[in-house]
Amino acid sequence: MVEKDETLDCLGLLCPAPIVKLSKKVKKMESGKILELIADDEGALEDVPAWCRKTGNELVESKTENGVYKFYVKKT
């Protein structure tokens, strides 16, 4: 289980909203902190890892539970 510092609920939001919100939230966080992003848009499965690669932030873990996707992103 990943220890998260903050949670960002993006349930019901469609692309690109989860990534836009993720970007804004991570910018406000301190380096080393972990954000849990919760989404139900399938696009997030590709978008979140791609965003992490592009921005240099670390995708610590991702998992799916009953159609809900959880991503744990560590700010670098």
C-alpha atoms as a PDB file:
ATOM      1  CA  MET A   1       0.000   0.000   0.000  1.00  0.00           C
ATOM      2  CA  VAL A   2       1.370   3.365  -1.035  1.00  0.00           C
ATOM      3  CA  GLU A   3       1.389   6.113   1.597  1.00  0.00           C
ATOM      4  CA  LYS A   4      -0.301   9.077  -0.071  1.00  0.00           C
ATOM      5  CA  ASP A   5      -0.013  12.693   1.008  1.00  0.00           C
ATOM      6  CA  GLU A   6      -3.006  14.018  -0.940  1.00  0.00           C
ATOM      7  CA  THR A   7      -5.919  12.708  -3.011  1.00  0.00           C
ATOM      8  CA  LEU A   8      -7.341  14.144  -6.221  1.00  0.00           C
ATOM      9  CA  ASP A   9     -10.833  12.868  -7.088  1.00  0.00           C
ATOM     10  CA  CYS A  10     -11.451  12.994 -10.843  1.00  0.00           C
ATOM     11  CA  LEU A  11     -14.397  10.578 -10.936  1.00  0.00           C
ATOM     12  CA  GLY A  12     -16.853  11.505 -13.678  1.00  0.00           C
ATOM     13  CA  LEU A  13     -14.354  13.707 -15.516  1.00  0.00           C
ATOM     14  CA  LEU A  14     -13.342  12.976 -19.094  1.00  0.00           C
ATOM     15  CA  CYS A  15     -10.055  13.594 -20.863  1.00  0.00           C
ATOM     16  CA  PRO A  16      -8.297  15.984 -20.666  1.00  0.00           C
ATOM     17  CA  ALA A  17      -9.737  17.159 -17.321  1.00  0.00           C
ATOM     18  CA  PRO A  18      -7.974  14.566 -15.087  1.00  0.00           C
ATOM     19  CA  ILE A  19      -4.564  15.432 -16.573  1.00  0.00           C
ATOM     20  CA  VAL A  20      -5.185  19.185 -16.334  1.00  0.00           C
ATOM     21  CA  LYS A  21      -6.177  18.821 -12.672  1.00  0.00           C
ATOM     22  CA  LEU A  22      -3.237  16.473 -12.013  1.00  0.00           C
ATOM     23  CA  SER A  23      -0.797  18.965 -13.493  1.00  0.00           C
ATOM     24  CA  LYS A  24      -2.144  21.888 -11.460  1.00  0.00           C
ATOM     25  CA  LYS A  25      -2.221  19.882  -8.224  1.00  0.00           C
ATOM     26  CA  VAL A  26       1.306  18.471  -8.566  1.00  0.00           C
ATOM     27  CA  LYS A  27       2.724  21.951  -9.251  1.00  0.00           C
ATOM     28  CA  LYS A  28       1.475  23.075  -5.814  1.00  0.00           C
ATOM     29  CA  MET A  29       2.954  20.073  -3.983  1.00  0.00           C
ATOM     30  CA  GLU A  30       6.393  19.739  -2.386  1.00  0.00           C
ATOM     31  CA  SER A  31       8.981  17.443  -3.983  1.00  0.00           C
ATOM     32  CA  GLY A  32       8.792  13.892  -2.646  1.00  0.00           C
ATOM     33  CA  LYS A  33       5.073  14.069  -1.827  1.00  0.00           C
ATOM     34  CA  ILE A  34       2.712  11.465  -3.306  1.00  0.00           C
ATOM     35  CA  LEU A  35      -0.630  12.279  -4.892  1.00  0.00           C
ATOM     36  CA  GLU A  36      -3.361   9.676  -5.305  1.00  0.00           C
ATOM     37  CA  LEU A  37      -5.377  10.365  -8.466  1.00  0.00           C
ATOM     38  CA  ILE A  38      -8.747   8.579  -8.678  1.00  0.00           C
ATOM     39  CA  ALA A  39     -10.432   8.453 -12.088  1.00  0.00           C
ATOM     40  CA  ASP A  40     -12.952   6.409 -14.040  1.00  0.00           C
ATOM     41  CA  ASP A  41     -12.060   7.648 -17.537  1.00  0.00           C
ATOM     42  CA  GLU A  42     -10.293   4.851 -19.448  1.00  0.00           C
ATOM     43  CA  GLY A  43      -8.134   7.458 -21.149  1.00  0.00           C
ATOM     44  CA  ALA A  44      -6.333   7.973 -17.851  1.00  0.00           C
ATOM     45  CA  LEU A  45      -4.754   4.522 -18.202  1.00  0.00           C
ATOM     46  CA  GLU A  46      -2.558   5.878 -21.006  1.00  0.00           C
ATOM     47  CA  ASP A  47      -2.607   9.587 -20.156  1.00  0.00           C
ATOM     48  CA  VAL A  48      -1.294   9.468 -16.589  1.00  0.00           C
ATOM     49  CA  PRO A  49       1.800   7.316 -17.328  1.00  0.00           C
ATOM     50  CA  ALA A  50       2.511   9.430 -20.436  1.00  0.00           C
ATOM     51  CA  TRP A  51       2.201  12.643 -18.402  1.00  0.00           C
ATOM     52  CA  CYS A  52       4.597  11.265 -15.780  1.00  0.00           C
ATOM     53  CA  ARG A  53       7.180  10.357 -18.446  1.00  0.00           C
ATOM     54  CA  LYS A  54       6.831  13.770 -20.081  1.00  0.00           C
ATOM     55  CA  THR A  55       7.115  15.761 -16.836  1.00  0.00           C
ATOM     56  CA  GLY A  56       9.676  13.598 -15.047  1.00  0.00           C
ATOM     57  CA  ASN A  57       7.366  12.819 -12.119  1.00  0.00           C
ATOM     58  CA  GLU A  58       7.305   9.229 -10.893  1.00  0.00           C
ATOM     59  CA  LEU A  59       4.328   6.905 -11.287  1.00  0.00           C
ATOM     60  CA  VAL A  60       4.830   4.856  -8.123  1.00  0.00           C
ATOM     61  CA  GLU A  61       1.853   2.534  -8.606  1.00  0.00           C
ATOM     62  CA  SER A  62      -1.405   2.185 -10.488  1.00  0.00           C
ATOM     63  CA  LYS A  63      -4.307  -0.180  -9.934  1.00  0.00           C
ATOM     64  CA  THR A  64      -7.855  -0.815 -11.061  1.00  0.00           C
ATOM     65  CA  GLU A  65     -10.755  -1.639  -8.755  1.00  0.00           C
ATOM     66  CA  ASN A  66     -14.266  -2.104 -10.174  1.00  0.00           C
ATOM     67  CA  GLY A  67     -13.745   0.284 -13.081  1.00  0.00           C
ATOM     68  CA  VAL A  68     -12.023   2.896 -10.916  1.00  0.00           C
ATOM     69  CA  TYR A  69      -8.384   3.667 -11.636  1.00  0.00           C
ATOM     70  CA  LYS A  70      -5.976   4.792  -8.926  1.00  0.00           C
ATOM     71  CA  PHE A  71      -2.613   6.310  -9.713  1.00  0.00           C
ATOM     72  CA  TYR A  72       0.066   7.229  -7.200  1.00  0.00           C
ATOM     73  CA  VAL A  73       2.292   9.998  -8.533  1.00  0.00           C
ATOM     74  CA  LYS A  74       5.403  11.161  -6.693  1.00  0.00           C
ATOM     75  CA  LYS A  75       6.476  14.730  -7.370  1.00  0.00           C
ATOM     76  CA  THR A  76      10.163  14.898  -8.257  1.00  0.00           C
END
